Protein backbone atom coordinates (compact mmCIF):
# COMPACT_ATOMS: atom_id res chain seq x y z
CA UNK A 1 -17.33 -84.45 -22.22
CA UNK A 2 -13.58 -83.77 -21.80
CA UNK A 3 -11.16 -81.82 -23.89
CA UNK A 4 -9.20 -83.46 -26.69
CA UNK A 5 -5.41 -83.48 -26.68
CA UNK A 6 -5.43 -80.86 -29.42
CA UNK A 7 -7.68 -78.56 -27.42
CA UNK A 8 -5.54 -78.90 -24.30
CA UNK A 9 -2.45 -78.08 -26.34
CA UNK A 10 -3.92 -75.02 -28.07
CA UNK A 11 -5.55 -73.63 -24.91
CA UNK A 12 -2.35 -74.14 -22.92
CA UNK A 13 -0.34 -72.49 -25.68
CA UNK A 14 -2.69 -69.49 -25.71
CA UNK A 15 -2.42 -69.23 -21.92
CA UNK A 16 1.38 -69.20 -22.06
CA UNK A 17 1.35 -66.63 -24.87
CA UNK A 18 -1.04 -64.47 -22.85
CA UNK A 19 1.29 -64.55 -19.86
CA UNK A 20 4.28 -63.67 -22.07
CA UNK A 21 2.51 -60.66 -23.56
CA UNK A 22 1.21 -59.58 -20.14
CA UNK A 23 4.79 -59.54 -18.84
CA UNK A 24 6.03 -57.62 -21.89
CA UNK A 25 3.15 -55.15 -21.59
CA UNK A 26 3.84 -54.66 -17.90
CA UNK A 27 7.54 -54.02 -18.59
CA UNK A 28 6.61 -51.62 -21.40
CA UNK A 29 4.25 -49.60 -19.20
CA UNK A 30 6.82 -49.51 -16.37
CA UNK A 31 9.76 -48.55 -18.61
CA UNK A 32 7.97 -45.76 -20.46
CA UNK A 33 8.02 -43.63 -17.28
CA UNK A 34 11.77 -43.02 -17.46
CA UNK A 35 13.29 -39.82 -18.87
CA UNK A 36 15.05 -41.45 -21.83
CA UNK A 37 11.77 -42.72 -23.36
CA UNK A 38 11.05 -41.19 -26.76
CA UNK A 39 7.94 -42.64 -28.39
CA UNK A 40 8.23 -44.27 -31.78
CA UNK A 41 6.03 -42.86 -34.54
CA UNK A 42 3.59 -45.59 -35.48
CA UNK A 43 3.95 -46.39 -39.20
CA UNK A 44 0.63 -46.00 -41.01
CA UNK A 45 1.37 -49.36 -42.61
CA UNK A 46 0.42 -50.98 -39.29
CA UNK A 47 -3.21 -50.06 -40.01
CA UNK A 48 -3.00 -51.97 -43.30
CA UNK A 49 -1.33 -54.85 -41.49
CA UNK A 50 -4.15 -54.87 -38.93
CA UNK A 51 -6.67 -55.06 -41.77
CA UNK A 52 -4.70 -57.97 -43.23
CA UNK A 53 -4.87 -59.83 -39.94
CA UNK A 54 -8.63 -59.18 -39.75
CA UNK A 55 -9.00 -60.64 -43.25
CA UNK A 56 -6.82 -63.64 -42.28
CA UNK A 57 -9.10 -64.24 -39.32
CA UNK A 58 -12.17 -63.87 -41.55
CA UNK A 59 -10.71 -66.48 -43.90
CA UNK A 60 -10.23 -68.84 -40.98
CA UNK A 61 -13.82 -68.21 -39.89
CA UNK A 62 -14.87 -69.13 -43.42
CA UNK A 63 -12.85 -72.36 -43.19
CA UNK A 64 -14.40 -73.19 -39.81
CA UNK A 65 -17.86 -72.66 -41.27
CA UNK A 66 -16.96 -74.99 -44.12
CA UNK A 67 -15.68 -77.61 -41.67
CA UNK A 68 -18.95 -77.50 -39.73
CA UNK A 69 -20.83 -78.18 -42.98
CA UNK A 70 -18.24 -80.69 -44.31
CA UNK A 71 -17.88 -78.43 -47.36
CA UNK A 72 -14.35 -79.07 -48.62
CA UNK A 73 -14.39 -76.25 -51.17
CA UNK A 74 -15.37 -73.67 -48.54
CA UNK A 75 -12.65 -74.99 -46.25
CA UNK A 76 -10.04 -74.67 -49.01
CA UNK A 77 -11.08 -71.12 -49.91
CA UNK A 78 -11.12 -70.06 -46.26
CA UNK A 79 -7.71 -71.58 -45.58
CA UNK A 80 -6.29 -69.94 -48.71
CA UNK A 81 -7.63 -66.52 -47.70
CA UNK A 82 -6.40 -66.97 -44.13
CA UNK A 83 -2.91 -67.96 -45.22
CA UNK A 84 -2.61 -65.28 -47.90
CA UNK A 85 -3.49 -62.45 -45.54
CA UNK A 86 -1.27 -63.87 -42.79
CA UNK A 87 1.62 -63.69 -45.25
CA UNK A 88 0.60 -60.12 -46.10
CA UNK A 89 0.56 -59.27 -42.37
CA UNK A 90 4.05 -60.63 -41.64
CA UNK A 91 5.44 -59.09 -44.83
CA UNK A 92 3.85 -55.77 -43.88
CA UNK A 93 5.40 -55.93 -40.41
CA UNK A 94 8.82 -56.46 -42.00
CA UNK A 95 8.22 -53.52 -44.30
CA UNK A 96 7.14 -51.31 -41.36
CA UNK A 97 10.36 -52.19 -39.52
CA UNK A 98 12.34 -51.27 -42.63
CA UNK A 99 10.50 -47.93 -42.83
CA UNK A 100 11.37 -47.17 -39.22
CA UNK A 101 15.04 -48.06 -39.57
CA UNK A 102 15.29 -46.00 -42.77
CA UNK A 103 13.88 -43.06 -40.78
CA UNK A 104 16.55 -43.53 -38.09
CA UNK A 105 14.47 -45.39 -35.50
CA UNK A 106 16.98 -48.15 -34.82
CA UNK A 107 16.28 -50.93 -32.34
CA UNK A 108 18.86 -49.80 -29.78
CA UNK A 109 18.49 -46.02 -30.23
CA UNK A 110 16.15 -45.72 -27.23
CA UNK A 111 14.04 -48.01 -25.04
CA UNK A 112 10.79 -47.17 -26.84
CA UNK A 113 12.28 -48.39 -30.12
CA UNK A 114 13.48 -51.59 -28.48
CA UNK A 115 10.05 -52.30 -27.04
CA UNK A 116 8.31 -51.50 -30.34
CA UNK A 117 10.47 -54.00 -32.22
CA UNK A 118 10.23 -56.56 -29.41
CA UNK A 119 6.44 -56.41 -29.18
CA UNK A 120 5.81 -56.49 -32.92
CA UNK A 121 8.46 -59.17 -33.55
CA UNK A 122 7.15 -61.43 -30.77
CA UNK A 123 3.67 -61.18 -32.22
CA UNK A 124 4.94 -61.81 -35.76
CA UNK A 125 6.81 -64.91 -34.53
CA UNK A 126 3.60 -66.25 -33.00
CA UNK A 127 1.78 -65.58 -36.28
CA UNK A 128 4.57 -67.47 -38.09
CA UNK A 129 4.00 -70.37 -35.69
CA UNK A 130 0.33 -70.23 -36.61
CA UNK A 131 1.35 -70.22 -40.26
CA UNK A 132 3.31 -73.43 -39.71
CA UNK A 133 0.17 -75.02 -38.28
CA UNK A 134 -1.84 -73.48 -41.14
CA UNK A 135 0.56 -75.02 -43.66
CA UNK A 136 0.19 -78.46 -42.07
CA UNK A 137 -3.62 -78.30 -41.90
CA UNK A 138 -3.88 -76.84 -45.40
CA UNK A 139 -1.59 -79.51 -46.85
CA UNK A 140 -3.72 -82.23 -45.23
CA UNK A 141 -6.90 -80.56 -46.47
CA UNK A 142 -5.75 -80.26 -50.08
CA UNK A 143 -4.44 -83.86 -50.12
CA UNK A 144 -7.52 -85.46 -48.60
CA UNK A 145 -11.19 -85.54 -49.42
CA UNK A 146 -14.01 -84.32 -47.18
CA UNK A 147 -14.85 -87.79 -45.88
CA UNK A 148 -11.59 -88.09 -43.94
CA UNK A 149 -11.11 -84.42 -43.06
CA UNK A 150 -10.75 -83.61 -39.38
CA UNK A 151 -12.81 -80.49 -38.65
CA UNK A 152 -11.31 -80.20 -35.15
CA UNK A 153 -7.92 -79.24 -36.65
CA UNK A 154 -9.50 -76.43 -38.63
CA UNK A 155 -11.49 -75.28 -35.59
CA UNK A 156 -8.39 -75.18 -33.38
CA UNK A 157 -6.40 -73.40 -36.07
CA UNK A 158 -9.19 -70.85 -36.38
CA UNK A 159 -9.31 -70.40 -32.62
CA UNK A 160 -5.58 -69.68 -32.57
CA UNK A 161 -5.92 -67.29 -35.51
CA UNK A 162 -8.72 -65.33 -33.84
CA UNK A 163 -6.64 -65.24 -30.66
CA UNK A 164 -3.65 -63.80 -32.58
CA UNK A 165 -5.96 -61.09 -33.93
CA UNK A 166 -7.18 -60.27 -30.42
CA UNK A 167 -3.60 -60.11 -29.11
CA UNK A 168 -2.58 -57.85 -32.00
CA UNK A 169 -5.51 -55.48 -31.47
CA UNK A 170 -4.56 -55.15 -27.80
CA UNK A 171 -0.85 -54.64 -28.57
CA UNK A 172 -1.53 -52.20 -31.38
CA UNK A 173 -3.88 -50.28 -29.10
CA UNK A 174 -1.15 -50.13 -26.47
CA UNK A 175 1.35 -48.79 -29.01
CA UNK A 176 -1.15 -46.21 -30.30
CA UNK A 177 -2.18 -44.97 -26.87
CA UNK A 178 1.28 -44.62 -25.35
């Protein structure tokens, strides 16, 4: 049994994203050894944002479970929860950046600031890409009935969402530990 076109696309996308973040992480770890590095205080709001992303992923898991059972109502609730908490996550990231700039931690003030904004913005952009896919799948789901619903789309969306959570946990851990 081979992979579908959708699976090939999503798995390739996740591979490319992994390579991008590995390069950024490598550059971050290399650059932090220079004398001009002054660590950025991690806004406590990032913990709330992490919780939001966990809840977004849980919503997607709920939608996937509904798709496996062909339960349209469960799918809709799961997609709604996933999308709502993804919006909360991206909004929270924006708010955290505003808190840092208000406190004088501007993007170009030192290399640590630049990397903090780069890492968190790159991740937020990939979440926004996932939100575009979420919007498309959710629109299709709310317009159609369960008999013509494509559970593979929800499964792939959920896979991407869980992957974005995993990437965030690793990036957030890196920021906390360095």
